[in-house]
Amino acid sequence: AELNSQLRLVEARLVASAPAQLHQTR
């Protein structure tokens, strides 16, 4: 459960950072 919680947080941060990266590369 702890590992899955950590994984979900990392995945959420990756999703949150994706729009910022797209904006930077345009």
PDB file of all heavy atoms in Angstrom:
ATOM      1  N   ALA A   1       0.829  -1.212   0.000  1.00  0.00           N
ATOM      2  CA  ALA A   1       0.000   0.000   0.000  1.00  0.00           C
ATOM      3  C   ALA A   1       0.861   1.258   0.000  1.00  0.00           C
ATOM      4  O   ALA A   1       0.564   2.230  -0.720  1.00  0.00           O
ATOM      5  CB  ALA A   1      -0.936  -0.005   1.202  1.00  0.00           C
ATOM      6  N   GLU A   2       1.936   1.255   0.791  1.00  0.00           N
ATOM      7  CA  GLU A   2       2.821   2.417   0.836  1.00  0.00           C
ATOM      8  C   GLU A   2       3.492   2.659  -0.513  1.00  0.00           C
ATOM      9  O   GLU A   2       3.561   3.790  -0.995  1.00  0.00           O
ATOM     10  CB  GLU A   2       3.876   2.247   1.928  1.00  0.00           C
ATOM     11  CG  GLU A   2       3.318   2.396   3.325  1.00  0.00           C
ATOM     12  CD  GLU A   2       4.357   2.153   4.404  1.00  0.00           C
ATOM     13  OE1 GLU A   2       5.488   1.700   4.096  1.00  0.00           O
ATOM     14  OE2 GLU A   2       4.043   2.407   5.579  1.00  0.00           O
ATOM     15  N   LEU A   3       3.982   1.588  -1.127  1.00  0.00           N
ATOM     16  CA  LEU A   3       4.629   1.729  -2.428  1.00  0.00           C
ATOM     17  C   LEU A   3       3.645   2.217  -3.487  1.00  0.00           C
ATOM     18  O   LEU A   3       3.979   3.080  -4.309  1.00  0.00           O
ATOM     19  CB  LEU A   3       5.254   0.400  -2.852  1.00  0.00           C
ATOM     20  CG  LEU A   3       6.497  -0.009  -2.077  1.00  0.00           C
ATOM     21  CD1 LEU A   3       6.847  -1.468  -2.368  1.00  0.00           C
ATOM     22  CD2 LEU A   3       7.665   0.901  -2.405  1.00  0.00           C
ATOM     23  N   ASN A   4       2.435   1.691  -3.466  1.00  0.00           N
ATOM     24  CA  ASN A   4       1.420   2.144  -4.429  1.00  0.00           C
ATOM     25  C   ASN A   4       1.070   3.610  -4.216  1.00  0.00           C
ATOM     26  O   ASN A   4       0.845   4.346  -5.184  1.00  0.00           O
ATOM     27  CB  ASN A   4       0.170   1.265  -4.354  1.00  0.00           C
ATOM     28  CG  ASN A   4       0.303   0.015  -5.187  1.00  0.00           C
ATOM     29  OD1 ASN A   4       0.824   0.049  -6.297  1.00  0.00           O
ATOM     30  ND2 ASN A   4      -0.150  -1.101  -4.654  1.00  0.00           N
ATOM     31  N   SER A   5       1.032   4.053  -2.966  1.00  0.00           N
ATOM     32  CA  SER A   5       0.762   5.463  -2.679  1.00  0.00           C
ATOM     33  C   SER A   5       1.884   6.341  -3.226  1.00  0.00           C
ATOM     34  O   SER A   5       1.629   7.396  -3.818  1.00  0.00           O
ATOM     35  CB  SER A   5       0.616   5.685  -1.174  1.00  0.00           C
ATOM     36  OG  SER A   5      -0.532   5.047  -0.698  1.00  0.00           O
ATOM     37  N   GLN A   6       3.114   5.908  -3.031  1.00  0.00           N
ATOM     38  CA  GLN A   6       4.245   6.665  -3.562  1.00  0.00           C
ATOM     39  C   GLN A   6       4.193   6.707  -5.086  1.00  0.00           C
ATOM     40  O   GLN A   6       4.419   7.765  -5.692  1.00  0.00           O
ATOM     41  CB  GLN A   6       5.562   6.034  -3.101  1.00  0.00           C
ATOM     42  CG  GLN A   6       5.816   6.202  -1.623  1.00  0.00           C
ATOM     43  CD  GLN A   6       7.045   5.440  -1.177  1.00  0.00           C
ATOM     44  OE1 GLN A   6       7.301   4.325  -1.625  1.00  0.00           O
ATOM     45  NE2 GLN A   6       7.800   6.040  -0.268  1.00  0.00           N
ATOM     46  N   LEU A   7       3.882   5.586  -5.684  1.00  0.00           N
ATOM     47  CA  LEU A   7       3.794   5.521  -7.142  1.00  0.00           C
ATOM     48  C   LEU A   7       2.703   6.448  -7.668  1.00  0.00           C
ATOM     49  O   LEU A   7       2.903   7.166  -8.647  1.00  0.00           O
ATOM     50  CB  LEU A   7       3.540   4.074  -7.580  1.00  0.00           C
ATOM     51  CG  LEU A   7       3.491   3.794  -9.072  1.00  0.00           C
ATOM     52  CD1 LEU A   7       4.772   4.239  -9.766  1.00  0.00           C
ATOM     53  CD2 LEU A   7       3.231   2.312  -9.316  1.00  0.00           C
ATOM     54  N   ARG A   8       1.544   6.476  -7.009  1.00  0.00           N
ATOM     55  CA  ARG A   8       0.460   7.371  -7.442  1.00  0.00           C
ATOM     56  C   ARG A   8       0.883   8.836  -7.356  1.00  0.00           C
ATOM     57  O   ARG A   8       0.546   9.637  -8.229  1.00  0.00           O
ATOM     58  CB  ARG A   8      -0.804   7.114  -6.636  1.00  0.00           C
ATOM     59  CG  ARG A   8      -1.551   5.865  -7.071  1.00  0.00           C
ATOM     60  CD  ARG A   8      -2.946   5.793  -6.501  1.00  0.00           C
ATOM     61  NE  ARG A   8      -2.986   5.913  -5.057  1.00  0.00           N
ATOM     62  CZ  ARG A   8      -2.935   4.887  -4.195  1.00  0.00           C
ATOM     63  NH1 ARG A   8      -2.831   3.669  -4.642  1.00  0.00           N
ATOM     64  NH2 ARG A   8      -2.994   5.091  -2.905  1.00  0.00           N
ATOM     65  N   LEU A   9       1.623   9.195  -6.303  1.00  0.00           N
ATOM     66  CA  LEU A   9       2.080  10.578  -6.175  1.00  0.00           C
ATOM     67  C   LEU A   9       3.043  10.931  -7.308  1.00  0.00           C
ATOM     68  O   LEU A   9       2.926  11.999  -7.920  1.00  0.00           O
ATOM     69  CB  LEU A   9       2.753  10.807  -4.821  1.00  0.00           C
ATOM     70  CG  LEU A   9       3.347  12.204  -4.617  1.00  0.00           C
ATOM     71  CD1 LEU A   9       2.266  13.280  -4.683  1.00  0.00           C
ATOM     72  CD2 LEU A   9       4.106  12.278  -3.314  1.00  0.00           C
ATOM     73  N   VAL A  10       3.974  10.047  -7.595  1.00  0.00           N
ATOM     74  CA  VAL A  10       4.925  10.305  -8.682  1.00  0.00           C
ATOM     75  C   VAL A  10       4.190  10.418 -10.011  1.00  0.00           C
ATOM     76  O   VAL A  10       4.461  11.326 -10.808  1.00  0.00           O
ATOM     77  CB  VAL A  10       6.011   9.202  -8.733  1.00  0.00           C
ATOM     78  CG1 VAL A  10       6.841   9.307 -10.002  1.00  0.00           C
ATOM     79  CG2 VAL A  10       6.906   9.293  -7.501  1.00  0.00           C
ATOM     80  N   GLU A  11       3.238   9.526 -10.259  1.00  0.00           N
ATOM     81  CA  GLU A  11       2.467   9.593 -11.501  1.00  0.00           C
ATOM     82  C   GLU A  11       1.679  10.898 -11.595  1.00  0.00           C
ATOM     83  O   GLU A  11       1.609  11.513 -12.662  1.00  0.00           O
ATOM     84  CB  GLU A  11       1.534   8.389 -11.611  1.00  0.00           C
ATOM     85  CG  GLU A  11       2.280   7.094 -11.888  1.00  0.00           C
ATOM     86  CD  GLU A  11       1.410   5.861 -11.804  1.00  0.00           C
ATOM     87  OE1 GLU A  11       0.329   5.911 -11.164  1.00  0.00           O
ATOM     88  OE2 GLU A  11       1.812   4.833 -12.370  1.00  0.00           O
ATOM     89  N   ALA A  12       1.106  11.341 -10.482  1.00  0.00           N
ATOM     90  CA  ALA A  12       0.363  12.609 -10.478  1.00  0.00           C
ATOM     91  C   ALA A  12       1.284  13.783 -10.784  1.00  0.00           C
ATOM     92  O   ALA A  12       0.913  14.702 -11.523  1.00  0.00           O
ATOM     93  CB  ALA A  12      -0.332  12.807  -9.130  1.00  0.00           C
ATOM     94  N   ARG A  13       2.481  13.751 -10.240  1.00  0.00           N
ATOM     95  CA  ARG A  13       3.428  14.836 -10.524  1.00  0.00           C
ATOM     96  C   ARG A  13       3.863  14.824 -11.978  1.00  0.00           C
ATOM     97  O   ARG A  13       4.072  15.876 -12.581  1.00  0.00           O
ATOM     98  CB  ARG A  13       4.631  14.746  -9.588  1.00  0.00           C
ATOM     99  CG  ARG A  13       4.255  15.142  -8.172  1.00  0.00           C
ATOM    100  CD  ARG A  13       5.439  15.456  -7.353  1.00  0.00           C
ATOM    101  NE  ARG A  13       5.030  15.867  -6.014  1.00  0.00           N
ATOM    102  CZ  ARG A  13       5.867  16.122  -5.033  1.00  0.00           C
ATOM    103  NH1 ARG A  13       7.156  16.016  -5.246  1.00  0.00           N
ATOM    104  NH2 ARG A  13       5.420  16.487  -3.870  1.00  0.00           N
ATOM    105  N   LEU A  14       4.012  13.638 -12.545  1.00  0.00           N
ATOM    106  CA  LEU A  14       4.363  13.558 -13.962  1.00  0.00           C
ATOM    107  C   LEU A  14       3.253  14.119 -14.831  1.00  0.00           C
ATOM    108  O   LEU A  14       3.515  14.851 -15.790  1.00  0.00           O
ATOM    109  CB  LEU A  14       4.662  12.103 -14.349  1.00  0.00           C
ATOM    110  CG  LEU A  14       6.040  11.597 -13.947  1.00  0.00           C
ATOM    111  CD1 LEU A  14       6.107  10.089 -14.082  1.00  0.00           C
ATOM    112  CD2 LEU A  14       7.119  12.270 -14.791  1.00  0.00           C
ATOM    113  N   VAL A  15       2.018  13.797 -14.506  1.00  0.00           N
ATOM    114  CA  VAL A  15       0.879  14.326 -15.267  1.00  0.00           C
ATOM    115  C   VAL A  15       0.812  15.841 -15.122  1.00  0.00           C
ATOM    116  O   VAL A  15       0.597  16.565 -16.095  1.00  0.00           O
ATOM    117  CB  VAL A  15      -0.442  13.668 -14.800  1.00  0.00           C
ATOM    118  CG1 VAL A  15      -1.647  14.398 -15.355  1.00  0.00           C
ATOM    119  CG2 VAL A  15      -0.461  12.201 -15.202  1.00  0.00           C
ATOM    120  N   ALA A  16       1.043  16.332 -13.911  1.00  0.00           N
ATOM    121  CA  ALA A  16       0.986  17.773 -13.674  1.00  0.00           C
ATOM    122  C   ALA A  16       2.108  18.510 -14.401  1.00  0.00           C
ATOM    123  O   ALA A  16       1.931  19.650 -14.822  1.00  0.00           O
ATOM    124  CB  ALA A  16       1.062  18.059 -12.178  1.00  0.00           C
ATOM    125  N   SER A  17       3.246  17.855 -14.559  1.00  0.00           N
ATOM    126  CA  SER A  17       4.368  18.524 -15.221  1.00  0.00           C
ATOM    127  C   SER A  17       4.261  18.466 -16.736  1.00  0.00           C
ATOM    128  O   SER A  17       4.913  19.235 -17.433  1.00  0.00           O
ATOM    129  CB  SER A  17       5.700  17.906 -14.775  1.00  0.00           C
ATOM    130  OG  SER A  17       5.866  16.614 -15.314  1.00  0.00           O
ATOM    131  N   ALA A  18       3.451  17.589 -17.272  1.00  0.00           N
ATOM    132  CA  ALA A  18       3.342  17.429 -18.727  1.00  0.00           C
ATOM    133  C   ALA A  18       2.881  18.704 -19.429  1.00  0.00           C
ATOM    134  O   ALA A  18       3.496  19.107 -20.416  1.00  0.00           O
ATOM    135  CB  ALA A  18       2.430  16.257 -19.071  1.00  0.00           C
ATOM    136  N   PRO A  19       1.827  19.384 -18.977  1.00  0.00           N
ATOM    137  CA  PRO A  19       1.418  20.617 -19.667  1.00  0.00           C
ATOM    138  C   PRO A  19       2.504  21.689 -19.646  1.00  0.00           C
ATOM    139  O   PRO A  19       2.698  22.388 -20.623  1.00  0.00           O
ATOM    140  CB  PRO A  19       0.182  21.084 -18.900  1.00  0.00           C
ATOM    141  CG  PRO A  19      -0.346  19.853 -18.252  1.00  0.00           C
ATOM    142  CD  PRO A  19       0.868  19.009 -17.950  1.00  0.00           C
ATOM    143  N   ALA A  20       3.234  21.773 -18.560  1.00  0.00           N
ATOM    144  CA  ALA A  20       4.300  22.771 -18.471  1.00  0.00           C
ATOM    145  C   ALA A  20       5.396  22.462 -19.481  1.00  0.00           C
ATOM    146  O   ALA A  20       5.947  23.360 -20.116  1.00  0.00           O
ATOM    147  CB  ALA A  20       4.871  22.804 -17.053  1.00  0.00           C
ATOM    148  N   GLN A  21       5.715  21.181 -19.637  1.00  0.00           N
ATOM    149  CA  GLN A  21       6.746  20.804 -20.597  1.00  0.00           C
ATOM    150  C   GLN A  21       6.280  21.062 -22.023  1.00  0.00           C
ATOM    151  O   GLN A  21       7.056  21.501 -22.859  1.00  0.00           O
ATOM    152  CB  GLN A  21       7.114  19.338 -20.426  1.00  0.00           C
ATOM    153  CG  GLN A  21       7.870  19.085 -19.149  1.00  0.00           C
ATOM    154  CD  GLN A  21       8.118  17.610 -18.940  1.00  0.00           C
ATOM    155  OE1 GLN A  21       7.598  16.778 -19.663  1.00  0.00           O
ATOM    156  NE2 GLN A  21       8.909  17.299 -17.942  1.00  0.00           N
ATOM    157  N   LEU A  22       5.028  20.795 -22.312  1.00  0.00           N
ATOM    158  CA  LEU A  22       4.508  21.071 -23.661  1.00  0.00           C
ATOM    159  C   LEU A  22       4.578  22.542 -23.965  1.00  0.00           C
ATOM    160  O   LEU A  22       4.928  22.957 -25.069  1.00  0.00           O
ATOM    161  CB  LEU A  22       3.077  20.573 -23.776  1.00  0.00           C
ATOM    162  CG  LEU A  22       2.879  19.063 -23.855  1.00  0.00           C
ATOM    163  CD1 LEU A  22       1.395  18.733 -23.841  1.00  0.00           C
ATOM    164  CD2 LEU A  22       3.542  18.484 -25.073  1.00  0.00           C
ATOM    165  N   HIS A  23       4.238  23.366 -22.981  1.00  0.00           N
ATOM    166  CA  HIS A  23       4.269  24.811 -23.160  1.00  0.00           C
ATOM    167  C   HIS A  23       5.694  25.282 -23.435  1.00  0.00           C
ATOM    168  O   HIS A  23       5.923  26.159 -24.266  1.00  0.00           O
ATOM    169  CB  HIS A  23       3.698  25.512 -21.926  1.00  0.00           C
ATOM    170  CG  HIS A  23       3.680  26.987 -22.043  1.00  0.00           C
ATOM    171  ND1 HIS A  23       2.866  27.654 -22.930  1.00  0.00           N
ATOM    172  CD2 HIS A  23       4.397  27.940 -21.403  1.00  0.00           C
ATOM    173  CE1 HIS A  23       3.076  28.946 -22.819  1.00  0.00           C
ATOM    174  NE2 HIS A  23       4.005  29.147 -21.901  1.00  0.00           N
ATOM    175  N   GLN A  24       6.675  24.703 -22.744  1.00  0.00           N
ATOM    176  CA  GLN A  24       8.061  25.099 -22.909  1.00  0.00           C
ATOM    177  C   GLN A  24       8.618  24.704 -24.258  1.00  0.00           C
ATOM    178  O   GLN A  24       9.487  25.359 -24.801  1.00  0.00           O
ATOM    179  CB  GLN A  24       8.941  24.501 -21.808  1.00  0.00           C
ATOM    180  CG  GLN A  24       8.677  25.076 -20.449  1.00  0.00           C
ATOM    181  CD  GLN A  24       9.441  24.339 -19.367  1.00  0.00           C
ATOM    182  OE1 GLN A  24      10.091  23.337 -19.604  1.00  0.00           O
ATOM    183  NE2 GLN A  24       9.351  24.854 -18.148  1.00  0.00           N
ATOM    184  N   THR A  25       8.143  23.588 -24.813  1.00  0.00           N
ATOM    185  CA  THR A  25       8.718  23.110 -26.065  1.00  0.00           C
ATOM    186  C   THR A  25       8.033  23.677 -27.296  1.00  0.00           C
ATOM    187  O   THR A  25       8.516  23.489 -28.397  1.00  0.00           O
ATOM    188  CB  THR A  25       8.640  21.562 -26.132  1.00  0.00           C
ATOM    189  OG1 THR A  25       7.278  21.154 -26.017  1.00  0.00           O
ATOM    190  CG2 THR A  25       9.486  20.941 -25.047  1.00  0.00           C
ATOM    191  N   ARG A  26       6.927  24.346 -27.139  1.00  0.00           N
ATOM    192  CA  ARG A  26       6.242  24.932 -28.292  1.00  0.00           C
ATOM    193  C   ARG A  26       7.079  26.083 -28.859  1.00  0.00           C
ATOM    194  O   ARG A  26       7.614  26.901 -28.137  1.00  0.00           O
ATOM    195  CB  ARG A  26       4.864  25.464 -27.892  1.00  0.00           C
ATOM    196  CG  ARG A  26       3.876  24.375 -27.667  1.00  0.00           C
ATOM    197  CD  ARG A  26       2.514  24.961 -27.471  1.00  0.00           C
ATOM    198  NE  ARG A  26       1.575  23.914 -27.159  1.00  0.00           N
ATOM    199  CZ  ARG A  26       0.420  24.110 -26.561  1.00  0.00           C
ATOM    200  NH1 ARG A  26       0.058  25.334 -26.209  1.00  0.00           N
ATOM    201  NH2 ARG A  26      -0.375  23.114 -26.314  1.00  0.00           N
TER     202      ARG A  26
END
